[in-house]
Amino acid sequence: MSLCEIVRLEGYIQSSYLAVYPDKIMLLDGCCRADVPMVLDYIKTTLKRPITDLKVVVVTHMHPDHAGGANKFREETGCLIVSADKKKQWYSGIGGHTMHFVDIHLGYYVARRQGRPLKNLYYSASLKPDITVTDGELVPHFDEWQVLETPGHTDRDLSLFHLPSREVYTADLIIKLRHKFVAPFPVYYPKDYVQSLKKIRALQPSMVMMAHGRELAMSEAEFDEFIAHAPKHPRTIKDTIRHKLLWRKRDNFRLFKRKYSQSKIEKVQCF
């Protein structure tokens, strides 16, 4: 049956989108854990539908505002979780679990910056999707929606392209911050990131639905400018710390040279 509407909901720290059909509903991303009651209440109260009409929840990547509610949605509604076909968990090993801990606290940082009340963001570091998908496939049970692999932010980012309307949901690929478009943080794979942006631009989408921002039309010129200024090197916490330490060393060295040069001048003047 044909799509009724795409609804944007204001989540805890991100925008969430529901594809609403007469007989089924798809959530375009897994939201935060804190968003689950809000989404289910919207289905029951506003749409006046049973929560079991939520048939599919897509998880575009594993960050807390995109995967945090997925398991809870499945538990509450019996929906299918659809995600990227990857052999390894994103948060695998000791380093992965450390990164999971850091990402949850980054979520709290964003919430604090937005003036949100403190809510529980904890979710499992591992995800067992019911169905995995690859680039170009159609979302199971929602064959108007095409899956696009758009890595860069992580290694498994997905975007969803609604074929009839040419609207595309890009998760964290593009962020609208006040009056400008910005790249997400982190960007682990900058070369892949640029190719993902070019893939979306080539679609000539009628609308870009962003997780951090809202649905907006982007011109080809805006895409070109954004791609031209996309990160050329990885942007991660580790790289940020390394960059800051490097600049601190440079500043300390310059300060040392300045003091050393000043001391030489003073000695000459004394002589």
C-alpha atoms as a PDB file:
ATOM      1  CA  MET A   1       0.000   0.000   0.000  1.00  0.00           C
ATOM      2  CA  SER A   2       1.169   3.549  -0.674  1.00  0.00           C
ATOM      3  CA  LEU A   3       2.911   5.745   1.854  1.00  0.00           C
ATOM      4  CA  CYS A   4       0.635   8.085   3.788  1.00  0.00           C
ATOM      5  CA  GLU A   5       3.274  10.409   5.186  1.00  0.00           C
ATOM      6  CA  ILE A   6       6.752  10.716   6.658  1.00  0.00           C
ATOM      7  CA  VAL A   7       6.520  12.118  10.171  1.00  0.00           C
ATOM      8  CA  ARG A   8       9.429  13.808  11.941  1.00  0.00           C
ATOM      9  CA  LEU A   9       9.476  13.458  15.722  1.00  0.00           C
ATOM     10  CA  GLU A  10      11.659  15.503  18.061  1.00  0.00           C
ATOM     11  CA  GLY A  11      13.754  12.924  19.896  1.00  0.00           C
ATOM     12  CA  TYR A  12      15.933  13.283  22.962  1.00  0.00           C
ATOM     13  CA  ILE A  13      18.937  14.592  21.017  1.00  0.00           C
ATOM     14  CA  GLN A  14      17.990  13.891  17.382  1.00  0.00           C
ATOM     15  CA  SER A  15      15.176  13.976  14.864  1.00  0.00           C
ATOM     16  CA  SER A  16      13.434  10.652  14.281  1.00  0.00           C
ATOM     17  CA  TYR A  17      11.308   9.770  11.258  1.00  0.00           C
ATOM     18  CA  LEU A  18       8.339   7.430  10.879  1.00  0.00           C
ATOM     19  CA  ALA A  19       7.198   6.179   7.481  1.00  0.00           C
ATOM     20  CA  VAL A  20       3.465   5.754   8.030  1.00  0.00           C
ATOM     21  CA  TYR A  21       1.387   3.431   5.810  1.00  0.00           C
ATOM     22  CA  PRO A  22      -2.270   2.435   6.172  1.00  0.00           C
ATOM     23  CA  ASP A  23      -1.311  -1.055   7.378  1.00  0.00           C
ATOM     24  CA  LYS A  24       2.268  -0.704   8.695  1.00  0.00           C
ATOM     25  CA  ILE A  25       4.860   1.718  10.049  1.00  0.00           C
ATOM     26  CA  MET A  26       8.649   1.874   9.702  1.00  0.00           C
ATOM     27  CA  LEU A  27      10.989   3.784  11.992  1.00  0.00           C
ATOM     28  CA  LEU A  28      13.901   5.018   9.886  1.00  0.00           C
ATOM     29  CA  ASP A  29      16.391   4.749  12.775  1.00  0.00           C
ATOM     30  CA  GLY A  30      16.663   3.185  16.223  1.00  0.00           C
ATOM     31  CA  CYS A  31      16.542   6.417  18.277  1.00  0.00           C
ATOM     32  CA  CYS A  32      17.810   6.813  21.840  1.00  0.00           C
ATOM     33  CA  ARG A  33      16.654   4.451  24.544  1.00  0.00           C
ATOM     34  CA  ALA A  34      14.917   7.458  26.115  1.00  0.00           C
ATOM     35  CA  ASP A  35      12.827   7.969  22.932  1.00  0.00           C
ATOM     36  CA  VAL A  36      11.023   4.619  23.023  1.00  0.00           C
ATOM     37  CA  PRO A  37       8.041   5.723  25.200  1.00  0.00           C
ATOM     38  CA  MET A  38       7.606   8.893  23.138  1.00  0.00           C
ATOM     39  CA  VAL A  39       7.526   7.055  19.798  1.00  0.00           C
ATOM     40  CA  LEU A  40       5.149   4.355  21.035  1.00  0.00           C
ATOM     41  CA  ASP A  41       2.880   6.968  22.591  1.00  0.00           C
ATOM     42  CA  TYR A  42       2.776   8.863  19.267  1.00  0.00           C
ATOM     43  CA  ILE A  43       1.690   5.679  17.471  1.00  0.00           C
ATOM     44  CA  LYS A  44      -1.010   4.921  20.060  1.00  0.00           C
ATOM     45  CA  THR A  45      -2.271   8.421  20.853  1.00  0.00           C
ATOM     46  CA  THR A  46      -1.722  10.542  17.744  1.00  0.00           C
ATOM     47  CA  LEU A  47      -1.962   7.930  15.005  1.00  0.00           C
ATOM     48  CA  LYS A  48      -4.461   5.866  17.042  1.00  0.00           C
ATOM     49  CA  ARG A  49      -2.812   2.677  15.880  1.00  0.00           C
ATOM     50  CA  PRO A  50      -1.663  -0.422  17.781  1.00  0.00           C
ATOM     51  CA  ILE A  51       2.071  -0.377  18.497  1.00  0.00           C
ATOM     52  CA  THR A  52       2.310  -3.736  16.688  1.00  0.00           C
ATOM     53  CA  ASP A  53       1.842  -1.754  13.450  1.00  0.00           C
ATOM     54  CA  LEU A  54       5.520  -0.825  13.867  1.00  0.00           C
ATOM     55  CA  LYS A  55       6.894  -3.548  11.619  1.00  0.00           C
ATOM     56  CA  VAL A  56      10.499  -2.472  10.961  1.00  0.00           C
ATOM     57  CA  VAL A  57      13.109  -0.441  12.803  1.00  0.00           C
ATOM     58  CA  VAL A  58      16.219   0.341  10.774  1.00  0.00           C
ATOM     59  CA  VAL A  59      19.506   0.884  12.619  1.00  0.00           C
ATOM     60  CA  THR A  60      21.738   3.018  10.413  1.00  0.00           C
ATOM     61  CA  HIS A  61      24.746   2.738  12.733  1.00  0.00           C
ATOM     62  CA  MET A  62      25.529   1.905  16.329  1.00  0.00           C
ATOM     63  CA  HIS A  63      25.692   5.274  18.074  1.00  0.00           C
ATOM     64  CA  PRO A  64      23.332   5.782  21.052  1.00  0.00           C
ATOM     65  CA  ASP A  65      20.894   8.075  19.219  1.00  0.00           C
ATOM     66  CA  HIS A  66      20.520   5.615  16.328  1.00  0.00           C
ATOM     67  CA  ALA A  67      20.660   2.187  17.946  1.00  0.00           C
ATOM     68  CA  GLY A  68      19.804   2.902  21.580  1.00  0.00           C
ATOM     69  CA  GLY A  69      16.094   2.092  21.360  1.00  0.00           C
ATOM     70  CA  ALA A  70      16.178  -0.742  18.806  1.00  0.00           C
ATOM     71  CA  ASN A  71      16.144  -3.732  21.157  1.00  0.00           C
ATOM     72  CA  LYS A  72      13.451  -2.129  23.331  1.00  0.00           C
ATOM     73  CA  PHE A  73      11.259  -1.466  20.265  1.00  0.00           C
ATOM     74  CA  ARG A  74      11.595  -5.139  19.261  1.00  0.00           C
ATOM     75  CA  GLU A  75      10.749  -6.258  22.779  1.00  0.00           C
ATOM     76  CA  GLU A  76       7.663  -4.014  22.966  1.00  0.00           C
ATOM     77  CA  THR A  77       6.239  -4.428  19.449  1.00  0.00           C
ATOM     78  CA  GLY A  78       7.735  -7.536  17.879  1.00  0.00           C
ATOM     79  CA  CYS A  79       9.154  -5.454  15.018  1.00  0.00           C
ATOM     80  CA  LEU A  80      12.075  -6.548  12.864  1.00  0.00           C
ATOM     81  CA  ILE A  81      15.449  -4.840  13.270  1.00  0.00           C
ATOM     82  CA  VAL A  82      17.148  -4.196   9.927  1.00  0.00           C
ATOM     83  CA  SER A  83      20.798  -3.144   9.813  1.00  0.00           C
ATOM     84  CA  ALA A  84      24.017  -3.346   7.793  1.00  0.00           C
ATOM     85  CA  ASP A  85      25.541  -6.682   6.860  1.00  0.00           C
ATOM     86  CA  LYS A  86      28.756  -6.615   8.889  1.00  0.00           C
ATOM     87  CA  LYS A  87      30.612  -9.615  10.298  1.00  0.00           C
ATOM     88  CA  LYS A  88      31.999  -7.797  13.341  1.00  0.00           C
ATOM     89  CA  GLN A  89      30.171  -5.752  15.921  1.00  0.00           C
ATOM     90  CA  TRP A  90      31.093  -2.058  15.795  1.00  0.00           C
ATOM     91  CA  TYR A  91      31.861  -2.058  19.523  1.00  0.00           C
ATOM     92  CA  SER A  92      33.967  -5.223  19.590  1.00  0.00           C
ATOM     93  CA  GLY A  93      36.819  -6.005  21.989  1.00  0.00           C
ATOM     94  CA  ILE A  94      38.106  -3.943  24.890  1.00  0.00           C
ATOM     95  CA  GLY A  95      38.659  -0.892  22.686  1.00  0.00           C
ATOM     96  CA  GLY A  96      35.127  -1.163  21.331  1.00  0.00           C
ATOM     97  CA  HIS A  97      33.557  -1.305  24.773  1.00  0.00           C
ATOM     98  CA  THR A  98      35.620   1.712  25.809  1.00  0.00           C
ATOM     99  CA  MET A  99      34.362   3.539  22.711  1.00  0.00           C
ATOM    100  CA  HIS A 100      30.783   2.524  23.597  1.00  0.00           C
ATOM    101  CA  PHE A 101      31.210   4.062  27.058  1.00  0.00           C
ATOM    102  CA  VAL A 102      32.640   7.260  25.527  1.00  0.00           C
ATOM    103  CA  ASP A 103      29.847   7.513  22.924  1.00  0.00           C
ATOM    104  CA  ILE A 104      27.143   7.250  25.576  1.00  0.00           C
ATOM    105  CA  HIS A 105      28.793  10.066  27.515  1.00  0.00           C
ATOM    106  CA  LEU A 106      29.061  12.110  24.318  1.00  0.00           C
ATOM    107  CA  GLY A 107      25.294  11.639  24.053  1.00  0.00           C
ATOM    108  CA  TYR A 108      24.915  13.072  27.555  1.00  0.00           C
ATOM    109  CA  TYR A 109      27.172  15.969  26.557  1.00  0.00           C
ATOM    110  CA  VAL A 110      24.953  16.771  23.553  1.00  0.00           C
ATOM    111  CA  ALA A 111      21.839  16.516  25.756  1.00  0.00           C
ATOM    112  CA  ARG A 112      23.353  18.916  28.274  1.00  0.00           C
ATOM    113  CA  ARG A 113      24.248  21.382  25.508  1.00  0.00           C
ATOM    114  CA  GLN A 114      20.630  21.224  24.306  1.00  0.00           C
ATOM    115  CA  GLY A 115      19.276  21.755  27.818  1.00  0.00           C
ATOM    116  CA  ARG A 116      17.699  18.297  28.010  1.00  0.00           C
ATOM    117  CA  PRO A 117      16.902  16.649  31.357  1.00  0.00           C
ATOM    118  CA  LEU A 118      19.027  13.674  32.350  1.00  0.00           C
ATOM    119  CA  LYS A 119      17.651  10.388  30.995  1.00  0.00           C
ATOM    120  CA  ASN A 120      18.962   6.843  30.731  1.00  0.00           C
ATOM    121  CA  LEU A 121      20.919   6.367  27.488  1.00  0.00           C
ATOM    122  CA  TYR A 122      22.518   3.017  28.279  1.00  0.00           C
ATOM    123  CA  TYR A 123      22.021   0.303  25.630  1.00  0.00           C
ATOM    124  CA  SER A 124      23.762  -2.907  24.621  1.00  0.00           C
ATOM    125  CA  ALA A 125      27.081  -2.569  22.801  1.00  0.00           C
ATOM    126  CA  SER A 126      26.082  -5.416  20.495  1.00  0.00           C
ATOM    127  CA  LEU A 127      23.183  -5.683  18.070  1.00  0.00           C
ATOM    128  CA  LYS A 128      21.660  -8.804  16.558  1.00  0.00           C
ATOM    129  CA  PRO A 129      19.528  -7.617  13.630  1.00  0.00           C
ATOM    130  CA  ASP A 130      16.748  -9.842  12.341  1.00  0.00           C
ATOM    131  CA  ILE A 131      17.654  -8.945   8.751  1.00  0.00           C
ATOM    132  CA  THR A 132      20.891  -7.570   7.315  1.00  0.00           C
ATOM    133  CA  VAL A 133      21.003  -5.528   4.118  1.00  0.00           C
ATOM    134  CA  THR A 134      23.581  -4.295   1.638  1.00  0.00           C
ATOM    135  CA  ASP A 135      23.810  -1.420  -0.824  1.00  0.00           C
ATOM    136  CA  GLY A 136      20.964  -1.220  -3.325  1.00  0.00           C
ATOM    137  CA  GLU A 137      18.648  -3.689  -1.612  1.00  0.00           C
ATOM    138  CA  LEU A 138      15.091  -2.772  -0.715  1.00  0.00           C
ATOM    139  CA  VAL A 139      13.993  -2.624   2.916  1.00  0.00           C
ATOM    140  CA  PRO A 140      12.105  -5.856   3.682  1.00  0.00           C
ATOM    141  CA  HIS A 141       8.315  -5.277   3.713  1.00  0.00           C
ATOM    142  CA  PHE A 142       8.882  -1.662   2.605  1.00  0.00           C
ATOM    143  CA  ASP A 143       9.907  -2.011  -1.032  1.00  0.00           C
ATOM    144  CA  GLU A 144       9.534   1.706  -1.791  1.00  0.00           C
ATOM    145  CA  TRP A 145      12.674   2.260   0.297  1.00  0.00           C
ATOM    146  CA  GLN A 146      16.158   1.520  -1.026  1.00  0.00           C
ATOM    147  CA  VAL A 147      19.140   0.921   1.236  1.00  0.00           C
ATOM    148  CA  LEU A 148      22.294   2.921   0.512  1.00  0.00           C
ATOM    149  CA  GLU A 149      25.614   2.190   2.160  1.00  0.00           C
ATOM    150  CA  THR A 150      27.080   5.589   3.094  1.00  0.00           C
ATOM    151  CA  PRO A 151      30.088   4.932   5.371  1.00  0.00           C
ATOM    152  CA  GLY A 152      32.538   7.496   6.682  1.00  0.00           C
ATOM    153  CA  HIS A 153      31.072   8.516  10.012  1.00  0.00           C
ATOM    154  CA  THR A 154      31.497   4.812  10.919  1.00  0.00           C
ATOM    155  CA  ASP A 155      32.127   1.757   8.768  1.00  0.00           C
ATOM    156  CA  ARG A 156      28.457   0.736   8.536  1.00  0.00           C
ATOM    157  CA  ASP A 157      26.349   3.844   8.009  1.00  0.00           C
ATOM    158  CA  LEU A 158      23.163   3.394   6.029  1.00  0.00           C
ATOM    159  CA  SER A 159      20.921   5.923   4.288  1.00  0.00           C
ATOM    160  CA  LEU A 160      17.371   5.234   3.117  1.00  0.00           C
ATOM    161  CA  PHE A 161      16.052   6.484  -0.230  1.00  0.00           C
ATOM    162  CA  HIS A 162      12.304   6.693  -0.786  1.00  0.00           C
ATOM    163  CA  LEU A 163      12.061   5.938  -4.495  1.00  0.00           C
ATOM    164  CA  PRO A 164       8.671   7.531  -5.362  1.00  0.00           C
ATOM    165  CA  SER A 165       9.306  10.884  -3.654  1.00  0.00           C
ATOM    166  CA  ARG A 166      13.127  10.882  -4.000  1.00  0.00           C
ATOM    167  CA  GLU A 167      13.442  11.880  -0.356  1.00  0.00           C
ATOM    168  CA  VAL A 168      16.484  10.477   1.418  1.00  0.00           C
ATOM    169  CA  TYR A 169      17.197   9.914   5.091  1.00  0.00           C
ATOM    170  CA  THR A 170      20.936  10.325   5.680  1.00  0.00           C
ATOM    171  CA  ALA A 171      21.194   9.781   9.479  1.00  0.00           C
ATOM    172  CA  ASP A 172      24.429  11.529  10.555  1.00  0.00           C
ATOM    173  CA  LEU A 173      26.005  11.930   7.111  1.00  0.00           C
ATOM    174  CA  ILE A 174      25.040  15.617   6.981  1.00  0.00           C
ATOM    175  CA  ILE A 175      24.288  17.820   9.976  1.00  0.00           C
ATOM    176  CA  LYS A 176      22.532  21.181   9.872  1.00  0.00           C
ATOM    177  CA  LEU A 177      23.967  23.440  12.559  1.00  0.00           C
ATOM    178  CA  ARG A 178      22.232  26.822  12.731  1.00  0.00           C
ATOM    179  CA  HIS A 179      22.751  28.327   9.279  1.00  0.00           C
ATOM    180  CA  LYS A 180      25.290  25.905   7.825  1.00  0.00           C
ATOM    181  CA  PHE A 181      25.821  22.250   6.978  1.00  0.00           C
ATOM    182  CA  VAL A 182      28.611  20.499   8.891  1.00  0.00           C
ATOM    183  CA  ALA A 183      30.245  17.086   8.928  1.00  0.00           C
ATOM    184  CA  PRO A 184      29.513  14.782  11.862  1.00  0.00           C
ATOM    185  CA  PHE A 185      31.884  13.951  14.672  1.00  0.00           C
ATOM    186  CA  PRO A 186      33.547  11.538  14.456  1.00  0.00           C
ATOM    187  CA  VAL A 187      34.558  10.819  10.865  1.00  0.00           C
ATOM    188  CA  TYR A 188      36.592   7.606  10.927  1.00  0.00           C
ATOM    189  CA  TYR A 189      36.937   7.137   7.173  1.00  0.00           C
ATOM    190  CA  PRO A 190      37.229  10.503   5.377  1.00  0.00           C
ATOM    191  CA  LYS A 191      37.704   9.082   1.861  1.00  0.00           C
ATOM    192  CA  ASP A 192      34.612   6.921   2.220  1.00  0.00           C
ATOM    193  CA  TYR A 193      32.783   9.897   3.682  1.00  0.00           C
ATOM    194  CA  VAL A 194      33.388  12.029   0.570  1.00  0.00           C
ATOM    195  CA  GLN A 195      32.277   9.168  -1.693  1.00  0.00           C
ATOM    196  CA  SER A 196      29.104   8.784   0.380  1.00  0.00           C
ATOM    197  CA  LEU A 197      28.316  12.486  -0.038  1.00  0.00           C
ATOM    198  CA  LYS A 198      28.836  12.187  -3.783  1.00  0.00           C
ATOM    199  CA  LYS A 199      26.498   9.183  -3.868  1.00  0.00           C
ATOM    200  CA  ILE A 200      23.741  11.182  -2.201  1.00  0.00           C
ATOM    201  CA  ARG A 201      24.329  14.194  -4.448  1.00  0.00           C
ATOM    202  CA  ALA A 202      24.083  11.971  -7.548  1.00  0.00           C
ATOM    203  CA  LEU A 203      20.574  10.938  -6.491  1.00  0.00           C
ATOM    204  CA  GLN A 204      19.429  14.555  -6.844  1.00  0.00           C
ATOM    205  CA  PRO A 205      17.125  14.081  -3.848  1.00  0.00           C
ATOM    206  CA  SER A 206      14.025  16.222  -3.511  1.00  0.00           C
ATOM    207  CA  MET A 207      14.599  16.413   0.249  1.00  0.00           C
ATOM    208  CA  VAL A 208      17.331  15.389   2.685  1.00  0.00           C
ATOM    209  CA  MET A 209      16.099  14.175   6.058  1.00  0.00           C
ATOM    210  CA  MET A 210      18.755  14.674   8.731  1.00  0.00           C
ATOM    211  CA  ALA A 211      18.964  13.184  12.199  1.00  0.00           C
ATOM    212  CA  HIS A 212      20.552  16.387  13.487  1.00  0.00           C
ATOM    213  CA  GLY A 213      18.552  19.051  11.768  1.00  0.00           C
ATOM    214  CA  ARG A 214      15.343  18.411   9.863  1.00  0.00           C
ATOM    215  CA  GLU A 215      14.143  17.725   6.320  1.00  0.00           C
ATOM    216  CA  LEU A 216      15.645  20.253   3.912  1.00  0.00           C
ATOM    217  CA  ALA A 217      16.185  20.618   0.190  1.00  0.00           C
ATOM    218  CA  MET A 218      19.869  20.863  -0.754  1.00  0.00           C
ATOM    219  CA  SER A 219      20.943  22.363  -4.058  1.00  0.00           C
ATOM    220  CA  GLU A 220      23.738  20.906  -6.156  1.00  0.00           C
ATOM    221  CA  ALA A 221      25.827  23.991  -5.314  1.00  0.00           C
ATOM    222  CA  GLU A 222      25.327  23.367  -1.593  1.00  0.00           C
ATOM    223  CA  PHE A 223      26.382  19.741  -2.038  1.00  0.00           C
ATOM    224  CA  ASP A 224      29.472  20.798  -4.001  1.00  0.00           C
ATOM    225  CA  GLU A 225      30.526  23.321  -1.373  1.00  0.00           C
ATOM    226  CA  PHE A 226      29.933  20.844   1.432  1.00  0.00           C
ATOM    227  CA  ILE A 227      31.964  18.145  -0.327  1.00  0.00           C
ATOM    228  CA  ALA A 228      34.795  20.598  -1.004  1.00  0.00           C
ATOM    229  CA  HIS A 229      35.080  21.326   2.721  1.00  0.00           C
ATOM    230  CA  ALA A 230      34.585  17.743   3.924  1.00  0.00           C
ATOM    231  CA  PRO A 231      37.260  16.405   6.337  1.00  0.00           C
ATOM    232  CA  LYS A 232      40.389  15.192   4.597  1.00  0.00           C
ATOM    233  CA  HIS A 233      41.716  13.381   7.667  1.00  0.00           C
ATOM    234  CA  PRO A 234      40.054  11.271  10.372  1.00  0.00           C
ATOM    235  CA  ARG A 235      38.185  13.227  13.036  1.00  0.00           C
ATOM    236  CA  THR A 236      38.019  11.094  16.163  1.00  0.00           C
ATOM    237  CA  ILE A 237      38.530  11.672  19.865  1.00  0.00           C
ATOM    238  CA  LYS A 238      41.966  10.070  19.613  1.00  0.00           C
ATOM    239  CA  ASP A 239      42.939  12.330  16.701  1.00  0.00           C
ATOM    240  CA  THR A 240      41.557  15.409  18.482  1.00  0.00           C
ATOM    241  CA  ILE A 241      43.601  14.645  21.614  1.00  0.00           C
ATOM    242  CA  ARG A 242      46.706  13.965  19.505  1.00  0.00           C
ATOM    243  CA  HIS A 243      46.163  17.228  17.609  1.00  0.00           C
ATOM    244  CA  LYS A 244      45.778  19.218  20.841  1.00  0.00           C
ATOM    245  CA  LEU A 245      48.899  17.637  22.343  1.00  0.00           C
ATOM    246  CA  LEU A 246      50.858  18.421  19.182  1.00  0.00           C
ATOM    247  CA  TRP A 247      49.798  22.070  19.268  1.00  0.00           C
ATOM    248  CA  ARG A 248      50.588  22.251  22.982  1.00  0.00           C
ATOM    249  CA  LYS A 249      54.099  20.953  22.281  1.00  0.00           C
ATOM    250  CA  ARG A 250      54.525  23.516  19.503  1.00  0.00           C
ATOM    251  CA  ASP A 251      53.288  26.318  21.766  1.00  0.00           C
ATOM    252  CA  ASN A 252      55.625  25.209  24.561  1.00  0.00           C
ATOM    253  CA  PHE A 253      58.551  25.071  22.137  1.00  0.00           C
ATOM    254  CA  ARG A 254      57.770  28.560  20.803  1.00  0.00           C
ATOM    255  CA  LEU A 255      57.511  29.852  24.379  1.00  0.00           C
ATOM    256  CA  PHE A 256      60.853  28.256  25.219  1.00  0.00           C
ATOM    257  CA  LYS A 257      62.486  29.835  22.139  1.00  0.00           C
ATOM    258  CA  ARG A 258      61.023  33.233  23.048  1.00  0.00           C
ATOM    259  CA  LYS A 259      62.298  33.006  26.637  1.00  0.00           C
ATOM    260  CA  TYR A 260      65.699  31.722  25.479  1.00  0.00           C
ATOM    261  CA  SER A 261      66.035  34.542  22.936  1.00  0.00           C
ATOM    262  CA  GLN A 262      64.994  37.101  25.566  1.00  0.00           C
ATOM    263  CA  SER A 263      67.552  35.766  28.027  1.00  0.00           C
ATOM    264  CA  LYS A 264      70.320  36.077  25.393  1.00  0.00           C
ATOM    265  CA  ILE A 265      69.313  39.691  24.739  1.00  0.00           C
ATOM    266  CA  GLU A 266      69.392  40.457  28.454  1.00  0.00           C
ATOM    267  CA  LYS A 267      72.862  38.908  28.771  1.00  0.00           C
ATOM    268  CA  VAL A 268      74.167  41.026  25.897  1.00  0.00           C
ATOM    269  CA  GLN A 269      72.681  44.153  27.434  1.00  0.00           C
ATOM    270  CA  CYS A 270      74.263  43.302  30.789  1.00  0.00           C
ATOM    271  CA  PHE A 271      77.630  42.757  29.121  1.00  0.00           C
END
